[in-house]
């Protein structure tokens, strides 16, 4: 009995899904807030704390995510899932989504990339 190629490749494709983080950045004239984030993985998407620095597993509900660190000054970060090595993120998109004289909102997308740091 031959299995269709798609049946063989589908489970492998699920393993190759890259993680990413989408952050809503809200700026008033003198300060920006990087609090609201959504983590996307092969398991689904989860609300997360997206401020700079390192965060533990309790800051997101993504299954198996042990910790993650975000460096907004260098637009890069890294994260660890259980039983995996270090994986990295880099900002790949920074788009203004709304503007008023008192507040500007941006969408910041951090995508998984090969670790070089």
C-alpha atoms as a PDB file:
ATOM      1  CA  UNK A   1       0.000   0.000   0.000  1.00  0.00           C
ATOM      2  CA  UNK A   2       1.437   3.373  -1.004  1.00  0.00           C
ATOM      3  CA  UNK A   3       0.792   6.461   1.088  1.00  0.00           C
ATOM      4  CA  UNK A   4       0.183   9.714  -0.748  1.00  0.00           C
ATOM      5  CA  UNK A   5       3.143  12.098  -0.617  1.00  0.00           C
ATOM      6  CA  UNK A   6       1.047  14.708   1.207  1.00  0.00           C
ATOM      7  CA  UNK A   7       0.266  12.250   4.017  1.00  0.00           C
ATOM      8  CA  UNK A   8       3.978  11.704   4.529  1.00  0.00           C
ATOM      9  CA  UNK A   9       5.024  15.366   4.305  1.00  0.00           C
ATOM     10  CA  UNK A  10       2.209  16.932   6.375  1.00  0.00           C
ATOM     11  CA  UNK A  11       3.615  15.896   9.792  1.00  0.00           C
ATOM     12  CA  UNK A  12       7.051  17.170   8.769  1.00  0.00           C
ATOM     13  CA  UNK A  13       5.595  20.502   7.673  1.00  0.00           C
ATOM     14  CA  UNK A  14       3.981  20.935  11.076  1.00  0.00           C
ATOM     15  CA  UNK A  15       7.406  20.594  12.697  1.00  0.00           C
ATOM     16  CA  UNK A  16       8.827  23.287  10.422  1.00  0.00           C
ATOM     17  CA  UNK A  17       6.355  25.991  11.430  1.00  0.00           C
ATOM     18  CA  UNK A  18       8.382  28.930  12.631  1.00  0.00           C
ATOM     19  CA  UNK A  19       7.403  30.733  15.793  1.00  0.00           C
ATOM     20  CA  UNK A  20       6.742  34.450  15.769  1.00  0.00           C
ATOM     21  CA  UNK A  21       5.639  37.218  18.073  1.00  0.00           C
ATOM     22  CA  UNK A  22       3.389  40.120  17.089  1.00  0.00           C
ATOM     23  CA  UNK A  23       3.559  43.145  19.383  1.00  0.00           C
ATOM     24  CA  UNK A  24       1.249  46.153  19.537  1.00  0.00           C
ATOM     25  CA  UNK A  25       3.340  49.231  20.315  1.00  0.00           C
ATOM     26  CA  UNK A  26       1.458  52.240  21.692  1.00  0.00           C
ATOM     27  CA  UNK A  27       3.338  55.548  21.764  1.00  0.00           C
ATOM     28  CA  UNK A  28       2.379  58.846  23.336  1.00  0.00           C
ATOM     29  CA  UNK A  29       4.609  61.821  22.535  1.00  0.00           C
ATOM     30  CA  UNK A  30       7.280  60.953  25.109  1.00  0.00           C
ATOM     31  CA  UNK A  31       6.932  57.195  25.781  1.00  0.00           C
ATOM     32  CA  UNK A  32       6.206  53.892  24.008  1.00  0.00           C
ATOM     33  CA  UNK A  33       4.634  50.810  25.589  1.00  0.00           C
ATOM     34  CA  UNK A  34       5.467  47.308  24.329  1.00  0.00           C
ATOM     35  CA  UNK A  35       3.058  45.373  26.526  1.00  0.00           C
ATOM     36  CA  UNK A  36       0.508  43.644  24.262  1.00  0.00           C
ATOM     37  CA  UNK A  37       1.859  40.647  22.362  1.00  0.00           C
ATOM     38  CA  UNK A  38       0.633  37.490  20.738  1.00  0.00           C
ATOM     39  CA  UNK A  39       2.899  34.432  20.387  1.00  0.00           C
ATOM     40  CA  UNK A  40       2.263  32.212  17.347  1.00  0.00           C
ATOM     41  CA  UNK A  41       3.524  28.628  17.252  1.00  0.00           C
ATOM     42  CA  UNK A  42       2.631  25.253  15.788  1.00  0.00           C
ATOM     43  CA  UNK A  43       0.371  24.772  18.833  1.00  0.00           C
ATOM     44  CA  UNK A  44      -1.730  27.903  18.276  1.00  0.00           C
ATOM     45  CA  UNK A  45      -1.506  31.532  19.344  1.00  0.00           C
ATOM     46  CA  UNK A  46      -1.276  32.892  22.875  1.00  0.00           C
ATOM     47  CA  UNK A  47      -1.378  36.324  24.549  1.00  0.00           C
ATOM     48  CA  UNK A  48       1.964  37.200  26.064  1.00  0.00           C
ATOM     49  CA  UNK A  49       3.858  39.927  27.877  1.00  0.00           C
ATOM     50  CA  UNK A  50       5.963  41.589  25.214  1.00  0.00           C
ATOM     51  CA  UNK A  51       8.027  44.083  27.188  1.00  0.00           C
ATOM     52  CA  UNK A  52      11.798  44.098  26.866  1.00  0.00           C
ATOM     53  CA  UNK A  53      13.901  41.753  28.944  1.00  0.00           C
ATOM     54  CA  UNK A  54      13.509  38.100  29.849  1.00  0.00           C
ATOM     55  CA  UNK A  55      10.272  36.339  30.701  1.00  0.00           C
ATOM     56  CA  UNK A  56       9.458  32.929  32.151  1.00  0.00           C
ATOM     57  CA  UNK A  57       6.960  30.326  31.026  1.00  0.00           C
ATOM     58  CA  UNK A  58       4.212  32.005  33.084  1.00  0.00           C
ATOM     59  CA  UNK A  59       4.209  35.077  30.832  1.00  0.00           C
ATOM     60  CA  UNK A  60       2.697  33.130  27.918  1.00  0.00           C
ATOM     61  CA  UNK A  61       0.499  30.069  27.649  1.00  0.00           C
ATOM     62  CA  UNK A  62       2.405  28.502  24.744  1.00  0.00           C
ATOM     63  CA  UNK A  63       2.885  24.803  25.594  1.00  0.00           C
ATOM     64  CA  UNK A  64       6.523  23.939  26.255  1.00  0.00           C
ATOM     65  CA  UNK A  65       7.843  27.510  26.048  1.00  0.00           C
ATOM     66  CA  UNK A  66      10.367  27.738  28.893  1.00  0.00           C
ATOM     67  CA  UNK A  67      11.530  31.355  28.563  1.00  0.00           C
ATOM     68  CA  UNK A  68      12.112  34.149  26.100  1.00  0.00           C
ATOM     69  CA  UNK A  69      14.104  37.381  26.030  1.00  0.00           C
ATOM     70  CA  UNK A  70      13.446  40.460  23.888  1.00  0.00           C
ATOM     71  CA  UNK A  71      15.978  43.223  23.187  1.00  0.00           C
ATOM     72  CA  UNK A  72      14.134  46.156  21.642  1.00  0.00           C
ATOM     73  CA  UNK A  73      17.295  48.240  21.247  1.00  0.00           C
ATOM     74  CA  UNK A  74      18.816  45.585  18.931  1.00  0.00           C
ATOM     75  CA  UNK A  75      15.493  44.322  17.485  1.00  0.00           C
ATOM     76  CA  UNK A  76      16.323  40.730  18.370  1.00  0.00           C
ATOM     77  CA  UNK A  77      15.468  38.067  20.913  1.00  0.00           C
ATOM     78  CA  UNK A  78      15.753  34.406  21.737  1.00  0.00           C
ATOM     79  CA  UNK A  79      13.594  31.688  23.269  1.00  0.00           C
ATOM     80  CA  UNK A  80      13.760  28.115  24.518  1.00  0.00           C
ATOM     81  CA  UNK A  81      11.170  25.371  24.222  1.00  0.00           C
ATOM     82  CA  UNK A  82      11.468  22.271  26.401  1.00  0.00           C
ATOM     83  CA  UNK A  83      14.094  19.829  25.098  1.00  0.00           C
ATOM     84  CA  UNK A  84      15.305  22.220  22.369  1.00  0.00           C
ATOM     85  CA  UNK A  85      18.284  24.487  21.934  1.00  0.00           C
ATOM     86  CA  UNK A  86      18.235  28.263  21.693  1.00  0.00           C
ATOM     87  CA  UNK A  87      16.014  29.671  18.940  1.00  0.00           C
ATOM     88  CA  UNK A  88      16.070  33.295  17.820  1.00  0.00           C
ATOM     89  CA  UNK A  89      13.741  36.103  16.770  1.00  0.00           C
ATOM     90  CA  UNK A  90      14.366  39.278  14.789  1.00  0.00           C
ATOM     91  CA  UNK A  91      12.059  42.197  14.003  1.00  0.00           C
ATOM     92  CA  UNK A  92      10.994  41.827  10.366  1.00  0.00           C
ATOM     93  CA  UNK A  93       8.157  44.364  10.241  1.00  0.00           C
ATOM     94  CA  UNK A  94       7.394  47.637  12.006  1.00  0.00           C
ATOM     95  CA  UNK A  95       4.243  49.269  10.615  1.00  0.00           C
ATOM     96  CA  UNK A  96       2.246  52.258  11.823  1.00  0.00           C
ATOM     97  CA  UNK A  97      -1.377  51.168  12.274  1.00  0.00           C
ATOM     98  CA  UNK A  98      -2.992  54.341  13.629  1.00  0.00           C
ATOM     99  CA  UNK A  99      -2.173  57.944  14.431  1.00  0.00           C
ATOM    100  CA  UNK A 100      -3.673  60.775  16.433  1.00  0.00           C
ATOM    101  CA  UNK A 101      -1.959  63.855  17.900  1.00  0.00           C
ATOM    102  CA  UNK A 102      -1.927  62.188  21.322  1.00  0.00           C
ATOM    103  CA  UNK A 103      -1.117  58.566  20.367  1.00  0.00           C
ATOM    104  CA  UNK A 104       0.491  56.508  17.591  1.00  0.00           C
ATOM    105  CA  UNK A 105       0.141  52.728  17.328  1.00  0.00           C
ATOM    106  CA  UNK A 106       2.523  50.359  15.558  1.00  0.00           C
ATOM    107  CA  UNK A 107       2.517  46.648  14.749  1.00  0.00           C
ATOM    108  CA  UNK A 108       5.880  44.976  15.321  1.00  0.00           C
ATOM    109  CA  UNK A 109       6.459  41.447  13.978  1.00  0.00           C
ATOM    110  CA  UNK A 110       9.279  39.310  15.374  1.00  0.00           C
ATOM    111  CA  UNK A 111       9.920  36.263  13.185  1.00  0.00           C
ATOM    112  CA  UNK A 112      12.058  33.224  13.894  1.00  0.00           C
ATOM    113  CA  UNK A 113      15.477  33.420  12.248  1.00  0.00           C
ATOM    114  CA  UNK A 114      18.736  31.485  12.388  1.00  0.00           C
ATOM    115  CA  UNK A 115      20.655  32.400  15.542  1.00  0.00           C
ATOM    116  CA  UNK A 116      23.776  34.435  14.836  1.00  0.00           C
ATOM    117  CA  UNK A 117      24.263  35.879  18.312  1.00  0.00           C
END
